[in-house]
């Protein structure tokens, strides 16, 4: 049982190192996902910002045109007083009326622009808040990741040293055999046998082998999954003891 206890200890150490390594391997993908999300929100914000600036410019241009036409109408009105002939007078009135109609159309265009401008302004504020939130989380997570990455190698290095220390207590051939099972059985190479069953593969264990597990301090493996198995009493068996 002493060797089994050492193997259980070795399995625990290697399991910790394996979990840390798996966590480390996931980080580049997590960083890529975070970066992709940030870039997506940033692109959405920049596109809305560009749309907003374009509408702002168009609004100013339309307001300028309307103001210029109003000034033109006022100047024409003032000029009416100095016109001498009816022909020139009616021509000027026609020009003023044409300018007014043009301005009515421009004012309708301006109203449409204002509606689009206000909608873009609202969406821009929403995109900015969304971008700020994602950006904040992105920066916070990257700080955590940078700090974690710095400790990964140290922690894995310490566990590897611990693994060698534990493994030195065992015969090298047993360690190689254990490591092979560990890799093939997804990090679970040593399991308990309870009530004539392997807790690794849940297949029955022959009574003869189960009895040997109870009596012998030797390494035995499950005939089905090849994991190292050791006897562990059930609650009923333990109560009977």
Protein backbone atom coordinates (compact mmCIF):
# COMPACT_ATOMS: atom_id res chain seq x y z
CA UNK A 1 0.00 0.00 0.00
CA UNK A 2 3.00 2.24 0.55
CA UNK A 3 3.79 2.32 -3.17
CA UNK A 4 0.16 3.03 -3.96
CA UNK A 5 0.17 6.00 -1.56
CA UNK A 6 3.24 7.35 -3.34
CA UNK A 7 1.55 6.84 -6.70
CA UNK A 8 -1.54 8.68 -5.45
CA UNK A 9 0.72 11.53 -4.34
CA UNK A 10 2.44 11.49 -7.74
CA UNK A 11 -0.92 11.51 -9.50
CA UNK A 12 -2.02 14.53 -7.48
CA UNK A 13 1.16 16.47 -8.28
CA UNK A 14 1.04 15.60 -11.97
CA UNK A 15 -2.66 16.38 -12.05
CA UNK A 16 -2.04 19.87 -10.66
CA UNK A 17 0.70 20.47 -13.23
CA UNK A 18 -1.55 19.17 -15.99
CA UNK A 19 -4.42 21.48 -14.98
CA UNK A 20 -2.08 24.48 -14.83
CA UNK A 21 -0.67 23.64 -18.25
CA UNK A 22 -4.16 23.27 -19.71
CA UNK A 23 -5.13 26.64 -18.21
CA UNK A 24 -2.00 28.18 -19.68
CA UNK A 25 -2.73 26.73 -23.12
CA UNK A 26 -6.20 28.32 -23.10
CA UNK A 27 -4.90 31.84 -22.45
CA UNK A 28 -3.87 32.71 -26.05
CA UNK A 29 -7.37 31.77 -27.20
CA UNK A 30 -8.94 33.84 -24.42
CA UNK A 31 -6.74 36.81 -25.34
CA UNK A 32 -7.71 36.42 -29.00
CA UNK A 33 -11.42 36.33 -28.08
CA UNK A 34 -11.07 39.42 -25.87
CA UNK A 35 -9.16 41.27 -28.55
CA UNK A 36 -11.70 40.26 -31.21
CA UNK A 37 -14.60 41.49 -29.05
CA UNK A 38 -12.81 44.79 -28.33
CA UNK A 39 -11.98 45.33 -32.01
CA UNK A 40 -15.57 44.53 -33.00
CA UNK A 41 -17.00 47.09 -30.56
CA UNK A 42 -14.33 49.63 -31.53
CA UNK A 43 -15.13 49.21 -35.23
CA UNK A 44 -18.84 49.64 -34.49
CA UNK A 45 -18.12 52.82 -32.51
CA UNK A 46 -15.81 54.28 -35.19
CA UNK A 47 -18.35 53.56 -37.95
CA UNK A 48 -21.09 55.29 -35.95
CA UNK A 49 -18.75 58.17 -35.14
CA UNK A 50 -17.95 58.59 -38.84
CA UNK A 51 -21.67 58.54 -39.68
CA UNK A 52 -22.33 61.11 -36.94
CA UNK A 53 -19.57 63.45 -38.16
CA UNK A 54 -20.79 63.17 -41.76
CA UNK A 55 -24.35 64.06 -40.71
CA UNK A 56 -23.05 66.92 -38.58
CA UNK A 57 -21.19 68.32 -41.57
CA UNK A 58 -24.23 67.90 -43.83
CA UNK A 59 -26.41 69.61 -41.22
CA UNK A 60 -24.06 72.59 -41.01
CA UNK A 61 -23.88 72.79 -44.78
CA UNK A 62 -27.68 72.70 -45.10
CA UNK A 63 -28.11 75.33 -42.37
CA UNK A 64 -25.55 77.53 -44.14
CA UNK A 65 -27.37 77.16 -47.46
CA UNK A 66 -30.71 78.06 -45.86
CA UNK A 67 -29.21 81.07 -44.11
CA UNK A 68 -27.60 82.27 -47.34
CA UNK A 69 -30.89 81.95 -49.22
CA UNK A 70 -32.72 83.84 -46.48
CA UNK A 71 -30.18 86.62 -46.75
CA UNK A 72 -30.65 86.54 -50.49
CA UNK A 73 -34.41 86.94 -50.06
CA UNK A 74 -33.94 89.85 -47.66
CA UNK A 75 -31.58 91.58 -50.04
CA UNK A 76 -34.02 91.05 -52.88
CA UNK A 77 -36.85 92.50 -50.82
CA UNK A 78 -34.74 95.57 -50.09
CA UNK A 79 -33.90 95.90 -53.75
CA UNK A 80 -37.60 95.90 -54.70
CA UNK A 81 -37.93 99.46 -53.38
CA UNK A 82 -35.42 100.75 -55.90
CA UNK A 83 -36.76 98.98 -59.00
CA UNK A 84 -38.25 101.37 -61.57
CA UNK A 85 -40.08 99.10 -64.03
CA UNK A 86 -42.90 96.61 -63.55
CA UNK A 87 -41.03 94.01 -65.58
CA UNK A 88 -38.03 94.15 -63.28
CA UNK A 89 -40.32 94.24 -60.24
CA UNK A 90 -42.24 91.08 -61.23
CA UNK A 91 -39.00 89.36 -62.24
CA UNK A 92 -37.64 90.08 -58.78
CA UNK A 93 -40.83 88.81 -57.11
CA UNK A 94 -40.54 85.63 -59.15
CA UNK A 95 -36.95 85.21 -58.08
CA UNK A 96 -37.88 85.72 -54.41
CA UNK A 97 -40.68 83.19 -54.66
CA UNK A 98 -38.36 80.68 -56.32
CA UNK A 99 -35.81 81.17 -53.57
CA UNK A 100 -38.48 80.69 -50.92
CA UNK A 101 -39.65 77.42 -52.50
CA UNK A 102 -36.09 76.21 -52.72
CA UNK A 103 -35.61 77.03 -49.08
CA UNK A 104 -38.78 75.17 -48.08
CA UNK A 105 -37.35 72.07 -49.75
CA UNK A 106 -34.03 72.66 -48.01
CA UNK A 107 -35.76 73.04 -44.64
CA UNK A 108 -37.54 69.71 -45.18
CA UNK A 109 -34.19 68.14 -46.01
CA UNK A 110 -32.76 69.72 -42.86
CA UNK A 111 -35.55 68.22 -40.74
CA UNK A 112 -34.79 64.78 -42.17
CA UNK A 113 -31.09 65.35 -41.52
CA UNK A 114 -31.79 66.43 -37.94
CA UNK A 115 -33.75 63.24 -37.27
CA UNK A 116 -30.91 61.11 -38.62
CA UNK A 117 -28.37 63.25 -36.74
CA UNK A 118 -30.19 62.82 -33.41
CA UNK A 119 -30.52 59.08 -34.00
CA UNK A 120 -26.80 58.81 -34.81
CA UNK A 121 -25.96 60.92 -31.74
CA UNK A 122 -27.97 58.55 -29.53
CA UNK A 123 -26.40 55.46 -31.09
CA UNK A 124 -22.94 57.02 -30.77
CA UNK A 125 -23.46 57.52 -27.03
CA UNK A 126 -24.59 53.88 -26.69
CA UNK A 127 -21.61 52.59 -28.71
CA UNK A 128 -19.24 54.73 -26.63
CA UNK A 129 -20.63 53.36 -23.35
CA UNK A 130 -20.44 49.83 -24.74
CA UNK A 131 -16.87 50.35 -25.94
CA UNK A 132 -15.80 51.85 -22.61
CA UNK A 133 -17.25 48.86 -20.74
CA UNK A 134 -15.60 46.28 -23.02
CA UNK A 135 -12.34 48.24 -23.03
CA UNK A 136 -12.31 48.39 -19.23
CA UNK A 137 -12.93 44.67 -18.89
CA UNK A 138 -10.35 43.95 -21.59
CA UNK A 139 -7.67 45.95 -19.79
CA UNK A 140 -8.51 44.44 -16.40
CA UNK A 141 -8.45 40.90 -17.80
CA UNK A 142 -5.15 41.51 -19.60
CA UNK A 143 -3.59 42.72 -16.34
CA UNK A 144 -4.80 39.52 -14.66
CA UNK A 145 -3.53 37.38 -17.53
CA UNK A 146 -0.11 39.05 -17.57
CA UNK A 147 0.23 38.49 -13.84
CA UNK A 148 -0.98 34.89 -14.15
CA UNK A 149 1.35 34.14 -17.07
CA UNK A 150 4.25 35.27 -14.92
CA UNK A 151 3.43 32.73 -12.25
CA UNK A 152 2.49 29.81 -14.51
CA UNK A 153 6.04 28.75 -15.29
CA UNK A 154 7.12 29.15 -11.65
CA UNK A 155 4.20 27.08 -10.37
CA UNK A 156 4.67 24.39 -13.01
CA UNK A 157 8.40 24.34 -12.30
CA UNK A 158 7.76 23.81 -8.58
CA UNK A 159 5.30 21.01 -9.31
CA UNK A 160 7.79 19.38 -11.67
CA UNK A 161 10.43 19.46 -8.94
CA UNK A 162 7.90 17.94 -6.55
CA UNK A 163 7.07 15.28 -9.17
CA UNK A 164 10.72 14.27 -9.46
CA UNK A 165 11.02 14.17 -5.70
CA UNK A 166 8.04 11.85 -5.36
CA UNK A 167 8.98 9.73 -8.37
CA UNK A 168 12.47 9.09 -6.92
CA UNK A 169 10.79 7.04 -4.18
CA UNK A 170 9.62 4.51 -6.78
CA UNK A 171 11.22 2.08 -9.17
CA UNK A 172 11.84 3.89 -12.48
CA UNK A 173 10.05 1.16 -14.46
CA UNK A 174 6.95 1.63 -12.29
CA UNK A 175 7.13 5.41 -12.82
CA UNK A 176 7.32 4.98 -16.61
CA UNK A 177 4.40 2.59 -16.52
CA UNK A 178 2.42 4.98 -14.31
CA UNK A 179 3.14 7.95 -16.57
CA UNK A 180 2.01 6.02 -19.63
CA UNK A 181 -1.30 5.14 -17.94
CA UNK A 182 -1.63 8.72 -16.68
CA UNK A 183 -1.45 10.06 -20.23
CA UNK A 184 -3.69 7.43 -21.76
CA UNK A 185 -6.33 7.68 -19.02
CA UNK A 186 -6.64 11.45 -18.97
CA UNK A 187 -4.73 12.01 -15.74
CA UNK A 188 -6.37 9.22 -13.73
CA UNK A 189 -3.91 6.35 -13.35
CA UNK A 190 -4.60 5.23 -9.77
CA UNK A 191 -8.12 4.50 -8.59
CA UNK A 192 -9.85 2.76 -5.76
CA UNK A 193 -11.57 -0.60 -6.07
CA UNK A 194 -14.75 -0.76 -4.06
CA UNK A 195 -17.38 -3.44 -3.77
CA UNK A 196 -15.72 -5.57 -6.47
CA UNK A 197 -15.69 -2.70 -8.95
CA UNK A 198 -13.03 -0.42 -10.43
CA UNK A 199 -13.97 3.21 -9.80
CA UNK A 200 -12.03 4.24 -12.92
CA UNK A 201 -13.88 2.25 -15.59
CA UNK A 202 -16.72 0.96 -13.34
CA UNK A 203 -16.23 -2.60 -14.54
CA UNK A 204 -16.39 -5.55 -12.17
CA UNK A 205 -13.23 -6.91 -10.67
CA UNK A 206 -12.90 -10.66 -10.23
CA UNK A 207 -13.27 -11.79 -6.57
CA UNK A 208 -9.81 -13.37 -6.66
CA UNK A 209 -8.14 -10.10 -7.64
CA UNK A 210 -10.30 -8.12 -5.23
CA UNK A 211 -9.20 -10.41 -2.39
CA UNK A 212 -5.55 -9.90 -3.40
CA UNK A 213 -6.05 -6.14 -3.24
CA UNK A 214 -7.28 -6.51 0.32
CA UNK A 215 -4.37 -8.69 1.41
CA UNK A 216 -1.29 -7.79 -0.63
CA UNK A 217 0.90 -4.72 -0.63
CA UNK A 218 1.62 -5.08 -4.31
CA UNK A 219 0.80 -3.14 -7.44
CA UNK A 220 -2.24 -4.53 -9.22
CA UNK A 221 -4.03 -3.14 -12.24
CA UNK A 222 -7.61 -3.27 -13.43
CA UNK A 223 -7.91 -6.00 -16.15
CA UNK A 224 -10.19 -3.72 -18.14
CA UNK A 225 -8.64 -0.22 -18.03
CA UNK A 226 -5.13 -1.06 -16.79
CA UNK A 227 -5.29 1.59 -14.10
CA UNK A 228 -3.50 0.85 -10.84
CA UNK A 229 -6.17 -0.20 -8.37
CA UNK A 230 -6.12 -0.40 -4.60
CA UNK A 231 -8.63 -1.65 -2.10
CA UNK A 232 -10.90 0.89 -0.42
CA UNK A 233 -13.59 -0.30 1.98
CA UNK A 234 -17.18 0.75 1.45
CA UNK A 235 -19.00 2.50 4.30
CA UNK A 236 -20.72 -0.77 5.21
CA UNK A 237 -17.41 -2.67 5.16
CA UNK A 238 -15.73 0.06 7.18
CA UNK A 239 -18.56 -0.05 9.74
CA UNK A 240 -18.13 -3.83 10.00
CA UNK A 241 -14.47 -3.40 10.82
